[in-house]
All heavy atoms as atom14 arrays in JSON, in Angstrom:
{
  "sequence": "LPEHQFKFEFYRLFVNGRSLRDDNLNAITKNNNQVFARIFVYMATS",
  "atom14_mask": [
    [1, 1, 1, 1, 1, 1, 1, 1, 0, 0, 0, 0, 0, 0],
    [1, 1, 1, 1, 1, 1, 1, 0, 0, 0, 0, 0, 0, 0],
    [1, 1, 1, 1, 1, 1, 1, 1, 1, 0, 0, 0, 0, 0],
    [1, 1, 1, 1, 1, 1, 1, 1, 1, 1, 0, 0, 0, 0],
    [1, 1, 1, 1, 1, 1, 1, 1, 1, 0, 0, 0, 0, 0],
    [1, 1, 1, 1, 1, 1, 1, 1, 1, 1, 1, 0, 0, 0],
    [1, 1, 1, 1, 1, 1, 1, 1, 1, 0, 0, 0, 0, 0],
    [1, 1, 1, 1, 1, 1, 1, 1, 1, 1, 1, 0, 0, 0],
    [1, 1, 1, 1, 1, 1, 1, 1, 1, 0, 0, 0, 0, 0],
    [1, 1, 1, 1, 1, 1, 1, 1, 1, 1, 1, 0, 0, 0],
    [1, 1, 1, 1, 1, 1, 1, 1, 1, 1, 1, 1, 0, 0],
    [1, 1, 1, 1, 1, 1, 1, 1, 1, 1, 1, 0, 0, 0],
    [1, 1, 1, 1, 1, 1, 1, 1, 0, 0, 0, 0, 0, 0],
    [1, 1, 1, 1, 1, 1, 1, 1, 1, 1, 1, 0, 0, 0],
    [1, 1, 1, 1, 1, 1, 1, 0, 0, 0, 0, 0, 0, 0],
    [1, 1, 1, 1, 1, 1, 1, 1, 0, 0, 0, 0, 0, 0],
    [1, 1, 1, 1, 0, 0, 0, 0, 0, 0, 0, 0, 0, 0],
    [1, 1, 1, 1, 1, 1, 1, 1, 1, 1, 1, 0, 0, 0],
    [1, 1, 1, 1, 1, 1, 0, 0, 0, 0, 0, 0, 0, 0],
    [1, 1, 1, 1, 1, 1, 1, 1, 0, 0, 0, 0, 0, 0],
    [1, 1, 1, 1, 1, 1, 1, 1, 1, 1, 1, 0, 0, 0],
    [1, 1, 1, 1, 1, 1, 1, 1, 0, 0, 0, 0, 0, 0],
    [1, 1, 1, 1, 1, 1, 1, 1, 0, 0, 0, 0, 0, 0],
    [1, 1, 1, 1, 1, 1, 1, 1, 0, 0, 0, 0, 0, 0],
    [1, 1, 1, 1, 1, 1, 1, 1, 0, 0, 0, 0, 0, 0],
    [1, 1, 1, 1, 1, 1, 1, 1, 0, 0, 0, 0, 0, 0],
    [1, 1, 1, 1, 1, 0, 0, 0, 0, 0, 0, 0, 0, 0],
    [1, 1, 1, 1, 1, 1, 1, 1, 0, 0, 0, 0, 0, 0],
    [1, 1, 1, 1, 1, 1, 1, 0, 0, 0, 0, 0, 0, 0],
    [1, 1, 1, 1, 1, 1, 1, 1, 1, 0, 0, 0, 0, 0],
    [1, 1, 1, 1, 1, 1, 1, 1, 0, 0, 0, 0, 0, 0],
    [1, 1, 1, 1, 1, 1, 1, 1, 0, 0, 0, 0, 0, 0],
    [1, 1, 1, 1, 1, 1, 1, 1, 0, 0, 0, 0, 0, 0],
    [1, 1, 1, 1, 1, 1, 1, 1, 1, 0, 0, 0, 0, 0],
    [1, 1, 1, 1, 1, 1, 1, 0, 0, 0, 0, 0, 0, 0],
    [1, 1, 1, 1, 1, 1, 1, 1, 1, 1, 1, 0, 0, 0],
    [1, 1, 1, 1, 1, 0, 0, 0, 0, 0, 0, 0, 0, 0],
    [1, 1, 1, 1, 1, 1, 1, 1, 1, 1, 1, 0, 0, 0],
    [1, 1, 1, 1, 1, 1, 1, 1, 0, 0, 0, 0, 0, 0],
    [1, 1, 1, 1, 1, 1, 1, 1, 1, 1, 1, 0, 0, 0],
    [1, 1, 1, 1, 1, 1, 1, 0, 0, 0, 0, 0, 0, 0],
    [1, 1, 1, 1, 1, 1, 1, 1, 1, 1, 1, 1, 0, 0],
    [1, 1, 1, 1, 1, 1, 1, 1, 0, 0, 0, 0, 0, 0],
    [1, 1, 1, 1, 1, 0, 0, 0, 0, 0, 0, 0, 0, 0],
    [1, 1, 1, 1, 1, 1, 1, 0, 0, 0, 0, 0, 0, 0],
    [1, 1, 1, 1, 1, 1, 0, 0, 0, 0, 0, 0, 0, 0]
  ],
  "atom14_positions": [
    [[122.22, 6.35, -63.58], [123.64, 6.02, -63.56], [124.48, 7.24, -63.17], [124.07, 8.38, -63.37], [124.09, 5.56, -64.95], [123.48, 4.27, -65.5], [123.96, 4.04, -66.93], [123.84, 3.08, -64.62], [0.0, 0.0, 0.0], [0.0, 0.0, 0.0], [0.0, 0.0, 0.0], [0.0, 0.0, 0.0], [0.0, 0.0, 0.0], [0.0, 0.0, 0.0]],
    [[125.67, 7.01, -62.64], [126.62, 8.13, -62.45], [126.92, 8.75, -63.82], [126.84, 8.08, -64.85], [127.86, 7.45, -61.86], [127.37, 6.16, -61.31], [126.21, 5.73, -62.16], [0.0, 0.0, 0.0], [0.0, 0.0, 0.0], [0.0, 0.0, 0.0], [0.0, 0.0, 0.0], [0.0, 0.0, 0.0], [0.0, 0.0, 0.0], [0.0, 0.0, 0.0]],
    [[127.3, 10.01, -63.82], [127.44, 10.73, -65.08], [128.46, 10.08, -66.02], [128.24, 10.03, -67.23], [127.83, 12.19, -64.83], [127.85, 13.02, -66.11], [127.98, 14.5, -65.85], [128.21, 14.89, -64.69], [127.86, 15.27, -66.81], [0.0, 0.0, 0.0], [0.0, 0.0, 0.0], [0.0, 0.0, 0.0], [0.0, 0.0, 0.0], [0.0, 0.0, 0.0]],
    [[129.57, 9.55, -65.49], [130.58, 8.97, -66.37], [130.05, 7.72, -67.07], [130.38, 7.46, -68.23], [131.87, 8.66, -65.61], [131.75, 7.53, -64.63], [131.19, 7.69, -63.37], [132.11, 6.22, -64.73], [131.23, 6.54, -62.73], [131.78, 5.62, -63.53], [0.0, 0.0, 0.0], [0.0, 0.0, 0.0], [0.0, 0.0, 0.0], [0.0, 0.0, 0.0]],
    [[129.2, 6.94, -66.39], [128.61, 5.75, -67.01], [127.53, 6.16, -68.01], [127.42, 5.57, -69.09], [128.01, 4.83, -65.95], [129.04, 4.09, -65.11], [128.37, 3.14, -64.13], [128.26, 3.44, -62.93], [127.92, 2.02, -64.63], [0.0, 0.0, 0.0], [0.0, 0.0, 0.0], [0.0, 0.0, 0.0], [0.0, 0.0, 0.0], [0.0, 0.0, 0.0]],
    [[126.74, 7.16, -67.64], [125.7, 7.66, -68.54], [126.33, 8.17, -69.83], [125.84, 7.9, -70.93], [124.92, 8.79, -67.85], [123.8, 9.35, -68.69], [122.52, 8.84, -68.6], [124.03, 10.4, -69.58], [121.49, 9.36, -69.37], [123.02, 10.92, -70.37], [121.74, 10.4, -70.25], [0.0, 0.0, 0.0], [0.0, 0.0, 0.0], [0.0, 0.0, 0.0]],
    [[127.44, 8.89, -69.7], [128.12, 9.45, -70.86], [128.57, 8.34, -71.81], [128.42, 8.45, -73.04], [129.32, 10.27, -70.4], [130.06, 10.99, -71.52], [131.26, 11.76, -70.98], [130.83, 12.84, -70.0], [131.99, 13.69, -69.58], [0.0, 0.0, 0.0], [0.0, 0.0, 0.0], [0.0, 0.0, 0.0], [0.0, 0.0, 0.0], [0.0, 0.0, 0.0]],
    [[129.11, 7.27, -71.27], [129.58, 6.15, -72.1], [128.42, 5.49, -72.85], [128.5, 5.24, -74.05], [130.28, 5.12, -71.21], [130.72, 3.88, -71.95], [131.91, 3.86, -72.65], [129.92, 2.74, -71.94], [132.31, 2.72, -73.34], [130.32, 1.6, -72.62], [131.51, 1.59, -73.33], [0.0, 0.0, 0.0], [0.0, 0.0, 0.0], [0.0, 0.0, 0.0]],
    [[127.33, 5.21, -72.12], [126.19, 4.53, -72.74], [125.47, 5.44, -73.74], [124.97, 4.97, -74.77], [125.21, 4.06, -71.66], [125.74, 2.94, -70.79], [126.04, 1.69, -71.6], [125.32, 1.41, -72.57], [127.01, 0.98, -71.26], [0.0, 0.0, 0.0], [0.0, 0.0, 0.0], [0.0, 0.0, 0.0], [0.0, 0.0, 0.0], [0.0, 0.0, 0.0]],
    [[125.41, 6.72, -73.44], [124.76, 7.66, -74.35], [125.52, 7.71, -75.67], [124.92, 7.71, -76.75], [124.69, 9.05, -73.72], [123.87, 10.03, -74.51], [122.5, 10.12, -74.33], [124.47, 10.86, -75.45], [121.74, 11.03, -75.07], [123.73, 11.76, -76.19], [122.36, 11.84, -75.99], [0.0, 0.0, 0.0], [0.0, 0.0, 0.0], [0.0, 0.0, 0.0]],
    [[126.85, 7.75, -75.59], [127.67, 7.77, -76.81], [127.42, 6.49, -77.63], [127.28, 6.54, -78.86], [129.15, 7.87, -76.45], [130.06, 7.94, -77.65], [130.45, 9.17, -78.17], [130.53, 6.78, -78.26], [131.28, 9.25, -79.28], [131.35, 6.84, -79.37], [131.73, 8.08, -79.87], [132.55, 8.15, -80.98], [0.0, 0.0, 0.0], [0.0, 0.0, 0.0]],
    [[127.37, 5.36, -76.95], [127.15, 4.08, -77.63], [125.84, 4.1, -78.41], [125.79, 3.66, -79.57], [127.14, 2.93, -76.61], [126.91, 1.55, -77.24], [126.9, 0.47, -76.19], [125.78, 0.6, -75.26], [124.56, 0.13, -75.52], [124.3, -0.49, -76.67], [123.6, 0.26, -74.63], [0.0, 0.0, 0.0], [0.0, 0.0, 0.0], [0.0, 0.0, 0.0]],
    [[124.79, 4.61, -77.8], [123.49, 4.61, -78.45], [123.36, 5.71, -79.5], [122.8, 5.49, -80.58], [122.38, 4.79, -77.4], [122.08, 3.58, -76.53], [121.08, 3.93, -75.44], [121.54, 2.42, -77.37], [0.0, 0.0, 0.0], [0.0, 0.0, 0.0], [0.0, 0.0, 0.0], [0.0, 0.0, 0.0], [0.0, 0.0, 0.0], [0.0, 0.0, 0.0]],
    [[123.88, 6.89, -79.19], [123.66, 8.02, -80.08], [124.57, 7.98, -81.31], [124.13, 8.23, -82.43], [123.88, 9.34, -79.33], [123.38, 10.55, -80.06], [122.04, 10.9, -80.01], [124.24, 11.33, -80.81], [121.57, 12.01, -80.69], [123.78, 12.45, -81.5], [122.44, 12.79, -81.43], [0.0, 0.0, 0.0], [0.0, 0.0, 0.0], [0.0, 0.0, 0.0]],
    [[125.82, 7.65, -81.11], [126.78, 7.66, -82.21], [126.88, 6.3, -82.89], [127.0, 6.21, -84.12], [128.17, 8.11, -81.71], [129.2, 8.03, -82.83], [128.1, 9.53, -81.16], [0.0, 0.0, 0.0], [0.0, 0.0, 0.0], [0.0, 0.0, 0.0], [0.0, 0.0, 0.0], [0.0, 0.0, 0.0], [0.0, 0.0, 0.0], [0.0, 0.0, 0.0]],
    [[126.84, 5.23, -82.1], [127.01, 3.88, -82.65], [125.71, 3.07, -82.65], [125.74, 1.84, -82.64], [128.09, 3.13, -81.86], [129.45, 3.79, -81.98], [129.79, 4.35, -83.02], [130.22, 3.75, -80.9], [0.0, 0.0, 0.0], [0.0, 0.0, 0.0], [0.0, 0.0, 0.0], [0.0, 0.0, 0.0], [0.0, 0.0, 0.0], [0.0, 0.0, 0.0]],
    [[124.59, 3.76, -82.66], [123.3, 3.07, -82.59], [123.05, 2.11, -83.73], [122.3, 1.13, -83.57], [0.0, 0.0, 0.0], [0.0, 0.0, 0.0], [0.0, 0.0, 0.0], [0.0, 0.0, 0.0], [0.0, 0.0, 0.0], [0.0, 0.0, 0.0], [0.0, 0.0, 0.0], [0.0, 0.0, 0.0], [0.0, 0.0, 0.0], [0.0, 0.0, 0.0]],
    [[123.66, 2.36, -84.89], [123.44, 1.48, -86.04], [123.96, 0.07, -85.79], [123.57, -0.87, -86.48], [124.1, 2.06, -87.29], [123.41, 3.29, -87.84], [124.16, 3.86, -89.04], [124.17, 2.95, -90.16], [123.22, 2.88, -91.1], [122.17, 3.69, -91.01], [123.32, 2.04, -92.1], [0.0, 0.0, 0.0], [0.0, 0.0, 0.0], [0.0, 0.0, 0.0]],
    [[124.81, -0.1, -84.79], [125.31, -1.44, -84.46], [124.2, -2.35, -83.95], [124.36, -3.57, -83.91], [126.43, -1.35, -83.41], [125.93, -0.83, -82.19], [0.0, 0.0, 0.0], [0.0, 0.0, 0.0], [0.0, 0.0, 0.0], [0.0, 0.0, 0.0], [0.0, 0.0, 0.0], [0.0, 0.0, 0.0], [0.0, 0.0, 0.0], [0.0, 0.0, 0.0]],
    [[123.05, -1.75, -83.57], [121.91, -2.54, -83.09], [121.07, -3.09, -84.24], [120.15, -3.88, -84.0], [121.03, -1.68, -82.18], [121.69, -1.14, -80.9], [120.71, -0.27, -80.13], [122.19, -2.28, -80.02], [0.0, 0.0, 0.0], [0.0, 0.0, 0.0], [0.0, 0.0, 0.0], [0.0, 0.0, 0.0], [0.0, 0.0, 0.0], [0.0, 0.0, 0.0]],
    [[121.36, -2.65, -85.45], [120.62, -3.16, -86.6], [120.99, -4.62, -86.85], [122.16, -5.0, -86.74], [120.94, -2.34, -87.85], [120.48, -0.89, -87.77], [121.23, -0.01, -88.74], [121.07, -0.43, -90.11], [120.28, 0.18, -91.01], [119.57, 1.25, -90.63], [120.19, -0.24, -92.24], [0.0, 0.0, 0.0], [0.0, 0.0, 0.0], [0.0, 0.0, 0.0]],
    [[119.99, -5.46, -87.19], [120.29, -6.87, -87.41], [120.75, -7.1, -88.86], [120.7, -6.2, -89.71], [119.1, -7.76, -87.06], [117.87, -7.48, -87.91], [118.0, -6.94, -89.02], [116.76, -7.8, -87.45], [0.0, 0.0, 0.0], [0.0, 0.0, 0.0], [0.0, 0.0, 0.0], [0.0, 0.0, 0.0], [0.0, 0.0, 0.0], [0.0, 0.0, 0.0]],
    [[121.2, -8.32, -89.13], [121.73, -8.65, -90.44], [120.68, -8.5, -91.54], [121.0, -8.12, -92.67], [122.28, -10.09, -90.45], [123.52, -10.24, -89.59], [124.16, -9.21, -89.29], [123.85, -11.38, -89.22], [0.0, 0.0, 0.0], [0.0, 0.0, 0.0], [0.0, 0.0, 0.0], [0.0, 0.0, 0.0], [0.0, 0.0, 0.0], [0.0, 0.0, 0.0]],
    [[119.43, -8.81, -91.2], [118.36, -8.71, -92.19], [118.17, -7.27, -92.65], [118.09, -6.99, -93.86], [117.05, -9.24, -91.59], [115.91, -9.25, -92.6], [116.11, -9.49, -93.78], [114.71, -8.97, -92.12], [0.0, 0.0, 0.0], [0.0, 0.0, 0.0], [0.0, 0.0, 0.0], [0.0, 0.0, 0.0], [0.0, 0.0, 0.0], [0.0, 0.0, 0.0]],
    [[118.12, -6.33, -91.72], [117.95, -4.92, -92.08], [119.16, -4.42, -92.86], [119.0, -3.68, -93.84], [117.75, -4.08, -90.81], [117.6, -2.57, -91.03], [116.47, -2.26, -92.0], [117.36, -1.87, -89.69], [0.0, 0.0, 0.0], [0.0, 0.0, 0.0], [0.0, 0.0, 0.0], [0.0, 0.0, 0.0], [0.0, 0.0, 0.0], [0.0, 0.0, 0.0]],
    [[120.34, -4.82, -92.46], [121.54, -4.42, -93.19], [121.53, -4.94, -94.63], [121.92, -4.24, -95.57], [122.79, -4.91, -92.47], [123.05, -4.16, -91.18], [122.66, -3.0, -91.03], [123.71, -4.8, -90.23], [0.0, 0.0, 0.0], [0.0, 0.0, 0.0], [0.0, 0.0, 0.0], [0.0, 0.0, 0.0], [0.0, 0.0, 0.0], [0.0, 0.0, 0.0]],
    [[121.06, -6.17, -94.79], [121.01, -6.77, -96.13], [119.98, -6.05, -97.01], [120.22, -5.8, -98.2], [120.67, -8.25, -96.03], [0.0, 0.0, 0.0], [0.0, 0.0, 0.0], [0.0, 0.0, 0.0], [0.0, 0.0, 0.0], [0.0, 0.0, 0.0], [0.0, 0.0, 0.0], [0.0, 0.0, 0.0], [0.0, 0.0, 0.0], [0.0, 0.0, 0.0]],
    [[118.83, -5.73, -96.43], [117.79, -5.02, -97.18], [118.28, -3.63, -97.57], [118.07, -3.18, -98.7], [116.5, -4.92, -96.34], [115.87, -6.3, -96.17], [115.49, -3.98, -97.01], [114.66, -6.31, -95.24], [0.0, 0.0, 0.0], [0.0, 0.0, 0.0], [0.0, 0.0, 0.0], [0.0, 0.0, 0.0], [0.0, 0.0, 0.0], [0.0, 0.0, 0.0]],
    [[118.93, -2.94, -96.64], [119.45, -1.61, -96.93], [120.47, -1.67, -98.06], [120.46, -0.82, -98.97], [120.1, -1.01, -95.67], [119.13, -0.92, -94.63], [120.66, 0.38, -95.96], [0.0, 0.0, 0.0], [0.0, 0.0, 0.0], [0.0, 0.0, 0.0], [0.0, 0.0, 0.0], [0.0, 0.0, 0.0], [0.0, 0.0, 0.0], [0.0, 0.0, 0.0]],
    [[121.36, -2.66, -98.01], [122.36, -2.82, -99.07], [121.69, -3.07, -100.42], [122.06, -2.46, -101.44], [123.3, -3.97, -98.73], [124.39, -4.19, -99.76], [125.32, -5.33, -99.35], [126.42, -5.55, -100.4], [127.33, -6.66, -100.0], [0.0, 0.0, 0.0], [0.0, 0.0, 0.0], [0.0, 0.0, 0.0], [0.0, 0.0, 0.0], [0.0, 0.0, 0.0]],
    [[120.69, -3.95, -100.43], [119.96, -4.23, -101.67], [119.29, -2.98, -102.21], [119.39, -2.67, -103.41], [118.9, -5.3, -101.41], [117.97, -5.49, -102.6], [118.31, -6.15, -103.59], [116.78, -4.89, -102.52], [0.0, 0.0, 0.0], [0.0, 0.0, 0.0], [0.0, 0.0, 0.0], [0.0, 0.0, 0.0], [0.0, 0.0, 0.0], [0.0, 0.0, 0.0]],
    [[118.61, -2.23, -101.34], [117.88, -1.05, -101.79], [118.82, 0.04, -102.31], [118.48, 0.76, -103.25], [116.99, -0.52, -100.68], [115.83, -1.45, -100.38], [115.56, -2.38, -101.14], [115.14, -1.22, -99.28], [0.0, 0.0, 0.0], [0.0, 0.0, 0.0], [0.0, 0.0, 0.0], [0.0, 0.0, 0.0], [0.0, 0.0, 0.0], [0.0, 0.0, 0.0]],
    [[119.98, 0.16, -101.71], [120.98, 1.11, -102.21], [121.46, 0.71, -103.61], [121.66, 1.56, -104.48], [122.17, 1.19, -101.26], [121.87, 1.98, -100.0], [120.87, 2.7, -99.93], [122.7, 1.84, -98.99], [0.0, 0.0, 0.0], [0.0, 0.0, 0.0], [0.0, 0.0, 0.0], [0.0, 0.0, 0.0], [0.0, 0.0, 0.0], [0.0, 0.0, 0.0]],
    [[121.62, -0.58, -103.81], [122.06, -1.07, -105.11], [120.97, -0.85, -106.17], [121.28, -0.5, -107.31], [122.42, -2.56, -105.02], [123.67, -2.83, -104.2], [123.91, -4.31, -103.95], [122.98, -5.14, -104.05], [125.14, -4.68, -103.6], [0.0, 0.0, 0.0], [0.0, 0.0, 0.0], [0.0, 0.0, 0.0], [0.0, 0.0, 0.0], [0.0, 0.0, 0.0]],
    [[119.71, -1.04, -105.76], [118.61, -0.8, -106.69], [118.56, 0.68, -107.07], [118.42, 1.02, -108.26], [117.26, -1.23, -106.06], [116.09, -0.83, -106.96], [117.25, -2.73, -105.82], [0.0, 0.0, 0.0], [0.0, 0.0, 0.0], [0.0, 0.0, 0.0], [0.0, 0.0, 0.0], [0.0, 0.0, 0.0], [0.0, 0.0, 0.0], [0.0, 0.0, 0.0]],
    [[118.67, 1.54, -106.07], [118.67, 2.98, -106.37], [119.82, 3.35, -107.3], [119.66, 4.16, -108.22], [118.77, 3.79, -105.09], [118.94, 5.27, -105.35], [117.84, 6.05, -105.69], [120.18, 5.87, -105.28], [117.98, 7.41, -105.95], [120.34, 7.22, -105.55], [119.24, 7.99, -105.88], [0.0, 0.0, 0.0], [0.0, 0.0, 0.0], [0.0, 0.0, 0.0]],
    [[120.99, 2.75, -107.07], [122.16, 3.03, -107.91], [121.87, 2.66, -109.36], [122.18, 3.42, -110.29], [123.38, 2.28, -107.4], [0.0, 0.0, 0.0], [0.0, 0.0, 0.0], [0.0, 0.0, 0.0], [0.0, 0.0, 0.0], [0.0, 0.0, 0.0], [0.0, 0.0, 0.0], [0.0, 0.0, 0.0], [0.0, 0.0, 0.0], [0.0, 0.0, 0.0]],
    [[121.26, 1.47, -109.58], [120.94, 1.04, -110.94], [119.95, 2.0, -111.6], [120.08, 2.33, -112.78], [120.37, -0.38, -110.93], [121.41, -1.45, -110.62], [120.9, -2.83, -110.97], [119.81, -3.26, -110.1], [119.96, -3.91, -108.95], [121.18, -4.19, -108.52], [118.93, -4.28, -108.24], [0.0, 0.0, 0.0], [0.0, 0.0, 0.0], [0.0, 0.0, 0.0]],
    [[118.95, 2.45, -110.82], [117.94, 3.36, -111.36], [118.56, 4.7, -111.73], [118.31, 5.26, -112.8], [116.8, 3.55, -110.35], [115.99, 2.26, -110.2], [115.87, 4.7, -110.77], [114.96, 2.3, -109.09], [0.0, 0.0, 0.0], [0.0, 0.0, 0.0], [0.0, 0.0, 0.0], [0.0, 0.0, 0.0], [0.0, 0.0, 0.0], [0.0, 0.0, 0.0]],
    [[119.4, 5.22, -110.83], [119.99, 6.54, -111.09], [120.95, 6.48, -112.28], [120.98, 7.4, -113.11], [120.72, 7.05, -109.85], [121.03, 8.52, -109.91], [120.08, 9.46, -109.52], [122.26, 8.97, -110.34], [120.35, 10.82, -109.59], [122.56, 10.32, -110.41], [121.59, 11.25, -110.03], [0.0, 0.0, 0.0], [0.0, 0.0, 0.0], [0.0, 0.0, 0.0]],
    [[121.73, 5.41, -112.37], [122.63, 5.25, -113.52], [121.84, 5.14, -114.81], [122.2, 5.75, -115.84], [123.54, 4.02, -113.33], [124.28, 3.69, -114.64], [124.53, 4.25, -112.22], [0.0, 0.0, 0.0], [0.0, 0.0, 0.0], [0.0, 0.0, 0.0], [0.0, 0.0, 0.0], [0.0, 0.0, 0.0], [0.0, 0.0, 0.0], [0.0, 0.0, 0.0]],
    [[120.74, 4.4, -114.77], [119.88, 4.31, -115.97], [119.41, 5.69, -116.4], [119.47, 6.04, -117.59], [118.68, 3.4, -115.71], [117.61, 3.56, -116.77], [117.79, 3.03, -118.04], [116.45, 4.29, -116.51], [116.84, 3.22, -119.04], [115.49, 4.49, -117.49], [115.69, 3.95, -118.75], [114.76, 4.14, -119.74], [0.0, 0.0, 0.0], [0.0, 0.0, 0.0]],
    [[118.93, 6.49, -115.44], [118.43, 7.81, -115.79], [119.55, 8.7, -116.32], [119.36, 9.46, -117.29], [117.79, 8.47, -114.57], [116.39, 7.98, -114.27], [115.22, 8.25, -115.65], [115.44, 10.01, -115.97], [0.0, 0.0, 0.0], [0.0, 0.0, 0.0], [0.0, 0.0, 0.0], [0.0, 0.0, 0.0], [0.0, 0.0, 0.0], [0.0, 0.0, 0.0]],
    [[120.72, 8.64, -115.71], [121.83, 9.48, -116.14], [122.29, 9.12, -117.55], [122.66, 9.99, -118.34], [122.99, 9.37, -115.17], [0.0, 0.0, 0.0], [0.0, 0.0, 0.0], [0.0, 0.0, 0.0], [0.0, 0.0, 0.0], [0.0, 0.0, 0.0], [0.0, 0.0, 0.0], [0.0, 0.0, 0.0], [0.0, 0.0, 0.0], [0.0, 0.0, 0.0]],
    [[122.27, 7.83, -117.86], [122.76, 7.38, -119.16], [121.69, 7.48, -120.25], [122.04, 7.51, -121.44], [123.26, 5.93, -119.08], [122.23, 5.09, -118.53], [124.5, 5.84, -118.2], [0.0, 0.0, 0.0], [0.0, 0.0, 0.0], [0.0, 0.0, 0.0], [0.0, 0.0, 0.0], [0.0, 0.0, 0.0], [0.0, 0.0, 0.0], [0.0, 0.0, 0.0]],
    [[120.43, 7.52, -119.85], [119.35, 7.63, -120.85], [118.82, 9.06, -120.96], [117.9, 9.31, -121.74], [118.19, 6.69, -120.47], [117.52, 7.16, -119.3], [0.0, 0.0, 0.0], [0.0, 0.0, 0.0], [0.0, 0.0, 0.0], [0.0, 0.0, 0.0], [0.0, 0.0, 0.0], [0.0, 0.0, 0.0], [0.0, 0.0, 0.0], [0.0, 0.0, 0.0]]
  ]
}
């Protein structure tokens, strides 16, 4: 690609690459973060 087009696409992939994640992966990530939060809070309070 010409450099100006390459620059645009590179930014999209490098900076905004997480937009390619599907709903399933996003849901799993959210769940796992919540699980970790519960575990860490348990440890801090106990």
